Amino acid sequence: GASSCRGLRRAGCPTPRSRRGRARRRCENAGGGNPLGASLDTKSTDLIFTDVASRRIVRISVDTGAASLVAGSTVGAASGFVDGTGAGQMLNSPRGVAVLALGGIFFSIFFSDTENHALRRADNAGFVTTIAGTGADGSADSVIGVWAEFKNPLGVAVDANDYLFVTDRTNNMLRLVAPDGVTTTLLTGADLFEPVGVAVNAAGDVAVGCYTGQYVLMFQH
């Protein structure tokens, strides 16, 4: 309640204003121009966020505020659709992001590359791979992920079985991408109007936020 908040502030917790200032400094340190999607790495408690303006994925240490580049070109804010590592890799408007912690130091960061109409992955070595999508807009499922088609994918969530849920905003669809890249459509048509955000819990409950109509749709998968 309000009294609890006042007590915390008296004990030295930062006010909302100082928290905003600290967040701004961290984004500036990362070279961030327009942070959008965010996810926590549950092993390190680092924050992973997508930066639309610089076309990068950035990791920030929650403890120190230190920022490091996970994916995206190291040459300015270059845009493109290129897998790989270092300066050669290119993204275009990354937005949604989800982190899958693996064994040891290994992890996978999945993100929607919205203007490339694709779902992509960055590993702990910084290597970017396209999981699903051709780089051109469309609407098609496929047993081969890189043949599937999206149109402005946004939200991304990963479940306990490593399946990815992706909101395909302009197609008014919720897509499912299997670990082997097989891409199918879970929901479409009258069920969805501009889906933007998605979340899934360990029990398989899925929540989808729709921009048009401003509602949340929930179901069990």
Protein backbone atom coordinates (compact mmCIF):
# COMPACT_ATOMS: atom_id res chain seq x y z
CA GLY A 1 0.00 0.00 0.00
CA ALA A 2 0.91 3.69 0.06
CA SER A 3 2.26 3.51 3.60
CA SER A 4 4.63 0.68 2.58
CA CYS A 5 5.95 2.77 -0.30
CA ARG A 6 6.55 5.73 2.01
CA GLY A 7 8.39 3.49 4.45
CA LEU A 8 10.63 2.12 1.73
CA ARG A 9 11.53 5.60 0.54
CA ARG A 10 12.44 6.68 4.07
CA ALA A 11 14.72 3.66 4.28
CA GLY A 12 16.69 4.94 1.31
CA CYS A 13 14.96 3.33 -1.68
CA PRO A 14 15.10 5.52 -4.81
CA THR A 15 12.08 7.56 -5.76
CA PRO A 16 10.42 6.91 -9.12
CA ARG A 17 12.17 9.99 -10.50
CA SER A 18 15.66 8.76 -9.55
CA ARG A 19 14.89 5.28 -10.94
CA ARG A 20 13.95 6.82 -14.28
CA GLY A 21 17.19 8.80 -14.32
CA ARG A 22 19.25 5.70 -13.61
CA ALA A 23 17.45 3.78 -16.38
CA ARG A 24 18.14 6.62 -18.83
CA ARG A 25 21.85 6.59 -17.97
CA ARG A 26 22.04 2.84 -18.52
CA CYS A 27 20.39 3.14 -21.92
CA GLU A 28 22.68 5.98 -22.89
CA ASN A 29 25.71 3.93 -21.82
CA ALA A 30 24.49 1.16 -24.11
CA GLY A 31 24.20 3.53 -27.04
CA GLY A 32 20.44 2.98 -26.92
CA GLY A 33 18.18 5.27 -28.86
CA ASN A 34 14.79 3.58 -28.61
CA PRO A 35 14.64 0.56 -26.26
CA LEU A 36 11.43 -1.42 -26.70
CA GLY A 37 11.28 -5.14 -25.88
CA ALA A 38 12.86 -6.48 -22.70
CA SER A 39 13.45 -9.83 -21.00
CA LEU A 40 15.41 -11.02 -17.96
CA ASP A 41 18.15 -13.61 -18.21
CA THR A 42 17.05 -15.74 -15.26
CA LYS A 43 20.56 -17.15 -14.69
CA SER A 44 22.46 -13.88 -14.48
CA THR A 45 19.50 -11.53 -13.78
CA ASP A 46 20.84 -9.34 -16.60
CA LEU A 47 18.34 -7.34 -18.64
CA ILE A 48 18.21 -8.02 -22.37
CA PHE A 49 16.51 -5.37 -24.48
CA THR A 50 15.89 -4.59 -28.11
CA ASP A 51 16.88 -1.16 -29.40
CA VAL A 52 14.82 -0.25 -32.46
CA ALA A 53 16.79 2.88 -33.35
CA SER A 54 20.28 1.35 -33.25
CA ARG A 55 18.96 -2.01 -34.55
CA ARG A 56 20.72 -3.92 -31.79
CA ILE A 57 20.15 -6.34 -28.93
CA VAL A 58 21.83 -5.12 -25.73
CA ARG A 59 22.59 -6.77 -22.38
CA ILE A 60 22.69 -4.67 -19.22
CA SER A 61 23.94 -5.88 -15.85
CA VAL A 62 21.25 -5.12 -13.29
CA ASP A 63 23.93 -4.92 -10.60
CA THR A 64 26.44 -2.59 -12.26
CA GLY A 65 24.61 -0.99 -15.20
CA ALA A 66 27.41 -2.13 -17.54
CA ALA A 67 26.15 -2.62 -21.11
CA SER A 68 27.36 -4.97 -23.82
CA LEU A 69 26.29 -5.69 -27.37
CA VAL A 70 24.59 -9.05 -27.96
CA ALA A 71 23.56 -8.72 -31.61
CA GLY A 72 23.46 -6.13 -34.36
CA SER A 73 26.02 -4.36 -36.46
CA THR A 74 28.91 -2.66 -34.71
CA VAL A 75 29.00 -0.10 -37.54
CA GLY A 76 26.56 2.66 -36.64
CA ALA A 77 22.90 1.73 -36.96
CA ALA A 78 23.29 -0.20 -40.19
CA SER A 79 20.21 -2.17 -41.20
CA GLY A 80 19.91 -5.34 -43.23
CA PHE A 81 19.10 -9.04 -43.07
CA VAL A 82 22.36 -10.90 -42.54
CA ASP A 83 23.17 -13.78 -40.17
CA GLY A 84 26.63 -14.16 -38.63
CA THR A 85 28.80 -12.47 -36.01
CA GLY A 86 30.46 -9.10 -35.52
CA ALA A 87 30.12 -6.20 -37.93
CA GLY A 88 28.75 -8.42 -40.70
CA GLN A 89 25.47 -9.31 -39.01
CA MET A 90 22.52 -7.00 -39.57
CA LEU A 91 19.05 -6.53 -38.08
CA ASN A 92 16.17 -4.24 -38.95
CA SER A 93 13.86 -3.01 -36.19
CA PRO A 94 14.19 -5.75 -33.53
CA ARG A 95 11.29 -5.54 -31.08
CA GLY A 96 10.09 -8.53 -29.05
CA VAL A 97 12.64 -10.61 -27.13
CA ALA A 98 12.69 -13.78 -25.01
CA VAL A 99 15.62 -15.47 -23.26
CA LEU A 100 16.01 -19.24 -23.00
CA ALA A 101 18.62 -20.27 -20.41
CA LEU A 102 20.50 -23.45 -21.32
CA GLY A 103 23.11 -25.47 -19.42
CA GLY A 104 26.11 -23.72 -17.90
CA ILE A 105 26.92 -20.36 -19.48
CA PHE A 106 24.88 -21.10 -22.60
CA PHE A 107 21.72 -19.28 -23.60
CA SER A 108 19.62 -18.38 -26.60
CA ILE A 109 18.05 -14.97 -27.12
CA PHE A 110 15.10 -15.08 -29.50
CA PHE A 111 13.84 -11.84 -31.02
CA SER A 112 11.43 -10.60 -33.64
CA ASP A 113 13.19 -8.72 -36.43
CA THR A 114 10.03 -6.85 -37.31
CA GLU A 115 10.89 -5.05 -40.53
CA ASN A 116 12.72 -8.12 -41.80
CA HIS A 117 9.53 -10.12 -41.07
CA ALA A 118 11.54 -12.82 -39.31
CA LEU A 119 12.24 -14.55 -36.01
CA ARG A 120 15.92 -14.75 -35.17
CA ARG A 121 18.23 -16.09 -32.47
CA ALA A 122 21.48 -14.88 -30.90
CA ASP A 123 23.61 -17.34 -28.93
CA ASN A 124 26.14 -16.73 -26.16
CA ALA A 125 28.90 -16.33 -28.77
CA GLY A 126 26.98 -13.51 -30.45
CA PHE A 127 26.13 -15.56 -33.54
CA VAL A 128 22.82 -14.56 -35.13
CA THR A 129 20.72 -17.15 -36.96
CA THR A 130 17.35 -16.80 -38.66
CA ILE A 131 14.91 -19.35 -37.21
CA ALA A 132 11.83 -18.51 -39.26
CA GLY A 133 10.97 -16.01 -41.97
CA THR A 134 12.25 -15.20 -45.44
CA GLY A 135 13.06 -11.52 -44.98
CA ALA A 136 10.04 -10.54 -47.08
CA ASP A 137 6.50 -10.04 -45.79
CA GLY A 138 3.80 -12.64 -46.39
CA SER A 139 1.62 -15.18 -44.63
CA ALA A 140 2.59 -18.84 -44.85
CA ASP A 141 3.28 -21.75 -42.52
CA SER A 142 6.12 -24.13 -43.36
CA VAL A 143 7.85 -27.28 -42.14
CA ILE A 144 11.07 -25.39 -42.90
CA GLY A 145 11.29 -22.29 -40.73
CA VAL A 146 13.15 -20.08 -43.19
CA TRP A 147 10.39 -20.67 -45.74
CA ALA A 148 7.66 -19.47 -43.38
CA GLU A 149 6.28 -15.96 -43.89
CA PHE A 150 5.35 -13.26 -41.39
CA LYS A 151 4.25 -9.65 -41.66
CA ASN A 152 5.60 -7.43 -38.88
CA PRO A 153 6.07 -9.98 -36.08
CA LEU A 154 6.28 -8.34 -32.67
CA GLY A 155 5.88 -10.21 -29.38
CA VAL A 156 7.94 -13.31 -28.58
CA ALA A 157 7.62 -15.82 -25.71
CA VAL A 158 9.22 -19.22 -25.11
CA ASP A 159 7.57 -22.06 -23.18
CA ALA A 160 8.96 -24.90 -21.06
CA ASN A 161 9.32 -27.12 -24.15
CA ASP A 162 11.30 -24.50 -26.11
CA TYR A 163 8.38 -23.66 -28.41
CA LEU A 164 8.18 -20.02 -29.46
CA PHE A 165 4.96 -18.02 -29.56
CA VAL A 166 5.09 -15.05 -31.95
CA THR A 167 2.48 -12.36 -32.53
CA ASP A 168 2.19 -11.71 -36.27
CA ARG A 169 0.63 -8.28 -35.98
CA THR A 170 -0.32 -7.27 -39.51
CA ASN A 171 -1.50 -10.79 -40.38
CA ASN A 172 -3.67 -10.86 -37.22
CA MET A 173 -2.17 -14.21 -36.24
CA LEU A 174 -0.46 -15.98 -33.36
CA ARG A 175 2.26 -18.24 -34.73
CA LEU A 176 4.01 -21.20 -33.11
CA VAL A 177 7.61 -22.03 -34.00
CA ALA A 178 8.87 -25.47 -32.91
CA PRO A 179 12.48 -26.07 -31.83
CA ASP A 180 13.20 -27.49 -35.30
CA GLY A 181 11.78 -24.37 -36.99
CA VAL A 182 8.43 -25.85 -38.09
CA THR A 183 6.05 -22.87 -38.16
CA THR A 184 2.28 -23.15 -37.74
CA THR A 185 -0.62 -20.78 -37.04
CA LEU A 186 -2.32 -21.17 -33.66
CA LEU A 187 -4.92 -18.39 -33.85
CA THR A 188 -6.18 -16.10 -36.58
CA GLY A 189 -9.26 -14.38 -37.97
CA ALA A 190 -11.96 -13.25 -35.58
CA ASP A 191 -9.90 -14.29 -32.55
CA LEU A 192 -7.19 -11.66 -33.01
CA PHE A 193 -6.98 -8.00 -33.96
CA GLU A 194 -3.44 -6.67 -34.20
CA PRO A 195 -1.80 -8.95 -31.61
CA VAL A 196 1.29 -7.28 -30.18
CA GLY A 197 2.38 -8.89 -26.90
CA VAL A 198 2.49 -12.51 -25.79
CA ALA A 199 3.43 -14.35 -22.60
CA VAL A 200 3.36 -18.02 -21.56
CA ASN A 201 3.88 -19.64 -18.16
CA ALA A 202 5.22 -23.03 -17.12
CA ALA A 203 1.71 -24.50 -17.06
CA GLY A 204 1.13 -23.60 -20.72
CA ASP A 205 -1.25 -20.70 -20.13
CA VAL A 206 -0.84 -18.23 -22.99
CA ALA A 207 -1.85 -14.56 -22.90
CA VAL A 208 -2.00 -12.42 -26.04
CA GLY A 209 -2.43 -8.65 -25.96
CA CYS A 210 -4.31 -7.13 -28.91
CA TYR A 211 -3.78 -3.49 -29.83
CA THR A 212 -7.04 -3.04 -31.72
CA GLY A 213 -9.87 -3.53 -29.24
CA GLN A 214 -7.42 -3.25 -26.34
CA TYR A 215 -8.02 -6.67 -24.84
CA VAL A 216 -6.06 -9.70 -23.66
CA LEU A 217 -6.93 -13.16 -24.95
CA MET A 218 -5.98 -16.14 -22.76
CA PHE A 219 -5.98 -19.86 -23.54
CA GLN A 220 -4.29 -23.12 -22.60
CA HIS A 221 -1.81 -24.66 -25.02
